[in-house]
Amino acid sequence: MKRVVRFVAAAAILIVLAAFLLGLLFRLPGDARAIRISAAIAFAVQVFAFAIVLVVAGAGTNVFPAWGLGILLRLAALAVTGLWLVSALRLRAEPALISLATFFFVTTLVEPLLLLRR
């Protein structure tokens, strides 16, 4: 449970920091909204994927298939956002997709650190 709380905190901090930096880059009307929506999607997907990996790791089985499933979830979220959500919510594609990919990337970097048993 401690690792999930740590991951949630780390993911929130990283996403907020990345959103701030992306907000400096994307400044057109509607860009901030696209970044916020992407941040919410990334946070939800990342926490869910991390929880799946932890459940599998706790069962004592190989973690890599679960991690691969997490990668597929991220890819699916990026595809659904790009192919459907951008037009459904009338978002600009560039800030929405670049920010979503950035959020996934930076939060995925901390996963291995928090998967270590301590």
C-alpha atoms as a PDB file:
ATOM      1  CA  MET A   1       0.000   0.000   0.000  1.00  0.00           C
ATOM      2  CA  LYS A   2       2.886   2.334   0.771  1.00  0.00           C
ATOM      3  CA  ARG A   3       4.231   1.961  -2.750  1.00  0.00           C
ATOM      4  CA  VAL A   4       0.891   2.921  -4.269  1.00  0.00           C
ATOM      5  CA  VAL A   5       0.704   6.055  -2.130  1.00  0.00           C
ATOM      6  CA  ARG A   6       4.273   6.938  -3.070  1.00  0.00           C
ATOM      7  CA  PHE A   7       3.536   6.399  -6.745  1.00  0.00           C
ATOM      8  CA  VAL A   8       0.356   8.486  -6.588  1.00  0.00           C
ATOM      9  CA  ALA A   9       2.303  11.312  -4.933  1.00  0.00           C
ATOM     10  CA  ALA A  10       5.230  11.059  -7.351  1.00  0.00           C
ATOM     11  CA  ALA A  11       2.936  10.878 -10.383  1.00  0.00           C
ATOM     12  CA  ALA A  12       0.921  13.888  -9.195  1.00  0.00           C
ATOM     13  CA  ILE A  13       4.048  15.969  -8.613  1.00  0.00           C
ATOM     14  CA  LEU A  14       5.606  15.012 -11.940  1.00  0.00           C
ATOM     15  CA  ILE A  15       2.407  15.617 -13.881  1.00  0.00           C
ATOM     16  CA  VAL A  16       1.825  19.017 -12.276  1.00  0.00           C
ATOM     17  CA  LEU A  17       5.423  20.051 -12.964  1.00  0.00           C
ATOM     18  CA  ALA A  18       5.277  18.817 -16.566  1.00  0.00           C
ATOM     19  CA  ALA A  19       1.885  20.505 -17.073  1.00  0.00           C
ATOM     20  CA  PHE A  20       3.322  23.803 -15.864  1.00  0.00           C
ATOM     21  CA  LEU A  21       6.273  23.522 -18.269  1.00  0.00           C
ATOM     22  CA  LEU A  22       4.026  22.486 -21.160  1.00  0.00           C
ATOM     23  CA  GLY A  23       1.771  25.435 -20.358  1.00  0.00           C
ATOM     24  CA  LEU A  24       4.727  27.710 -21.035  1.00  0.00           C
ATOM     25  CA  LEU A  25       5.167  26.080 -24.436  1.00  0.00           C
ATOM     26  CA  PHE A  26       1.524  25.850 -25.546  1.00  0.00           C
ATOM     27  CA  ARG A  27      -0.141  29.227 -25.098  1.00  0.00           C
ATOM     28  CA  LEU A  28      -2.988  29.340 -27.594  1.00  0.00           C
ATOM     29  CA  PRO A  29      -6.621  29.471 -26.439  1.00  0.00           C
ATOM     30  CA  GLY A  30      -7.771  26.046 -25.318  1.00  0.00           C
ATOM     31  CA  ASP A  31      -4.258  24.658 -24.859  1.00  0.00           C
ATOM     32  CA  ALA A  32      -4.421  24.797 -21.065  1.00  0.00           C
ATOM     33  CA  ARG A  33      -7.693  22.843 -21.133  1.00  0.00           C
ATOM     34  CA  ALA A  34      -6.155  20.193 -23.407  1.00  0.00           C
ATOM     35  CA  ILE A  35      -3.176  19.871 -21.054  1.00  0.00           C
ATOM     36  CA  ARG A  36      -5.428  19.532 -17.989  1.00  0.00           C
ATOM     37  CA  ILE A  37      -7.551  16.838 -19.633  1.00  0.00           C
ATOM     38  CA  SER A  38      -4.434  14.960 -20.729  1.00  0.00           C
ATOM     39  CA  ALA A  39      -3.066  15.230 -17.195  1.00  0.00           C
ATOM     40  CA  ALA A  40      -6.218  13.688 -15.746  1.00  0.00           C
ATOM     41  CA  ILE A  41      -6.182  10.856 -18.291  1.00  0.00           C
ATOM     42  CA  ALA A  42      -2.486  10.152 -17.714  1.00  0.00           C
ATOM     43  CA  PHE A  43      -2.857  10.160 -13.935  1.00  0.00           C
ATOM     44  CA  ALA A  44      -5.776   7.714 -13.996  1.00  0.00           C
ATOM     45  CA  VAL A  45      -4.129   5.352 -16.485  1.00  0.00           C
ATOM     46  CA  GLN A  46      -0.767   5.431 -14.698  1.00  0.00           C
ATOM     47  CA  VAL A  47      -2.212   4.689 -11.253  1.00  0.00           C
ATOM     48  CA  PHE A  48      -4.309   1.844 -12.673  1.00  0.00           C
ATOM     49  CA  ALA A  49      -1.344   0.367 -14.566  1.00  0.00           C
ATOM     50  CA  PHE A  50       0.907   0.631 -11.509  1.00  0.00           C
ATOM     51  CA  ALA A  51      -1.698  -1.101  -9.359  1.00  0.00           C
ATOM     52  CA  ILE A  52      -1.894  -3.971 -11.846  1.00  0.00           C
ATOM     53  CA  VAL A  53       1.879  -4.388 -11.783  1.00  0.00           C
ATOM     54  CA  LEU A  54       1.898  -4.369  -7.975  1.00  0.00           C
ATOM     55  CA  VAL A  55      -0.831  -7.010  -7.771  1.00  0.00           C
ATOM     56  CA  VAL A  56       1.096  -9.274 -10.123  1.00  0.00           C
ATOM     57  CA  ALA A  57       4.374  -8.583  -8.312  1.00  0.00           C
ATOM     58  CA  GLY A  58       2.717  -9.397  -4.976  1.00  0.00           C
ATOM     59  CA  ALA A  59       1.584 -12.735  -6.340  1.00  0.00           C
ATOM     60  CA  GLY A  60       5.230 -13.649  -6.856  1.00  0.00           C
ATOM     61  CA  THR A  61       4.946 -14.067 -10.603  1.00  0.00           C
ATOM     62  CA  ASN A  62       6.932 -12.406 -13.351  1.00  0.00           C
ATOM     63  CA  VAL A  63       6.302  -8.651 -13.365  1.00  0.00           C
ATOM     64  CA  PHE A  64       7.200  -8.058 -17.010  1.00  0.00           C
ATOM     65  CA  PRO A  65       3.912  -9.291 -18.559  1.00  0.00           C
ATOM     66  CA  ALA A  66       1.999  -6.945 -16.252  1.00  0.00           C
ATOM     67  CA  TRP A  67       4.351  -4.111 -17.116  1.00  0.00           C
ATOM     68  CA  GLY A  68       3.749  -4.901 -20.798  1.00  0.00           C
ATOM     69  CA  LEU A  69       0.009  -4.684 -20.158  1.00  0.00           C
ATOM     70  CA  GLY A  70       0.576  -1.258 -18.615  1.00  0.00           C
ATOM     71  CA  ILE A  71       2.437  -0.171 -21.728  1.00  0.00           C
ATOM     72  CA  LEU A  72      -0.461  -1.379 -23.882  1.00  0.00           C
ATOM     73  CA  LEU A  73      -2.908   0.562 -21.681  1.00  0.00           C
ATOM     74  CA  ARG A  74      -0.852   3.722 -22.180  1.00  0.00           C
ATOM     75  CA  LEU A  75      -0.726   3.176 -25.934  1.00  0.00           C
ATOM     76  CA  ALA A  76      -4.483   2.548 -26.040  1.00  0.00           C
ATOM     77  CA  ALA A  77      -5.152   5.710 -24.040  1.00  0.00           C
ATOM     78  CA  LEU A  78      -2.976   7.717 -26.414  1.00  0.00           C
ATOM     79  CA  ALA A  79      -4.738   6.203 -29.448  1.00  0.00           C
ATOM     80  CA  VAL A  80      -8.247   6.773 -28.054  1.00  0.00           C
ATOM     81  CA  THR A  81      -7.329  10.331 -27.159  1.00  0.00           C
ATOM     82  CA  GLY A  82      -5.916  11.013 -30.605  1.00  0.00           C
ATOM     83  CA  LEU A  83      -8.576   9.251 -32.633  1.00  0.00           C
ATOM     84  CA  TRP A  84     -11.704  10.114 -30.681  1.00  0.00           C
ATOM     85  CA  LEU A  85     -11.350  12.301 -27.597  1.00  0.00           C
ATOM     86  CA  VAL A  86      -9.603  15.213 -29.314  1.00  0.00           C
ATOM     87  CA  SER A  87     -12.493  15.700 -31.712  1.00  0.00           C
ATOM     88  CA  ALA A  88     -15.220  14.796 -29.199  1.00  0.00           C
ATOM     89  CA  LEU A  89     -14.001  17.412 -26.714  1.00  0.00           C
ATOM     90  CA  ARG A  90     -12.852  19.857 -29.411  1.00  0.00           C
ATOM     91  CA  LEU A  91      -9.280  19.902 -28.169  1.00  0.00           C
ATOM     92  CA  ARG A  92      -6.242  21.007 -30.114  1.00  0.00           C
ATOM     93  CA  ALA A  93      -4.433  17.791 -30.996  1.00  0.00           C
ATOM     94  CA  GLU A  94      -0.869  19.024 -30.538  1.00  0.00           C
ATOM     95  CA  PRO A  95      -1.004  20.057 -26.874  1.00  0.00           C
ATOM     96  CA  ALA A  96      -3.350  17.204 -25.946  1.00  0.00           C
ATOM     97  CA  LEU A  97      -1.239  14.432 -27.448  1.00  0.00           C
ATOM     98  CA  ILE A  98       2.204  15.847 -26.717  1.00  0.00           C
ATOM     99  CA  SER A  99       1.274  16.489 -23.106  1.00  0.00           C
ATOM    100  CA  LEU A 100      -0.297  13.036 -22.700  1.00  0.00           C
ATOM    101  CA  ALA A 101       2.810  11.349 -24.115  1.00  0.00           C
ATOM    102  CA  THR A 102       5.019  13.516 -21.890  1.00  0.00           C
ATOM    103  CA  PHE A 103       3.016  12.679 -18.773  1.00  0.00           C
ATOM    104  CA  PHE A 104       3.190   8.977 -19.570  1.00  0.00           C
ATOM    105  CA  PHE A 105       6.931   9.186 -20.174  1.00  0.00           C
ATOM    106  CA  VAL A 106       7.890  11.041 -16.988  1.00  0.00           C
ATOM    107  CA  THR A 107       5.684   8.946 -14.729  1.00  0.00           C
ATOM    108  CA  THR A 108       6.833   5.699 -16.298  1.00  0.00           C
ATOM    109  CA  LEU A 109      10.398   6.613 -15.359  1.00  0.00           C
ATOM    110  CA  VAL A 110       9.601   6.413 -11.623  1.00  0.00           C
ATOM    111  CA  GLU A 111       7.794   3.078 -11.798  1.00  0.00           C
ATOM    112  CA  PRO A 112      10.909   0.878 -11.518  1.00  0.00           C
ATOM    113  CA  LEU A 113      12.131   2.857  -8.521  1.00  0.00           C
ATOM    114  CA  LEU A 114       8.879   2.261  -6.672  1.00  0.00           C
ATOM    115  CA  LEU A 115       8.557  -1.386  -7.678  1.00  0.00           C
ATOM    116  CA  LEU A 116      11.658  -2.282  -5.707  1.00  0.00           C
ATOM    117  CA  ARG A 117      10.753  -3.981  -2.459  1.00  0.00           C
ATOM    118  CA  ARG A 118      11.634  -1.883   0.560  1.00  0.00           C
END
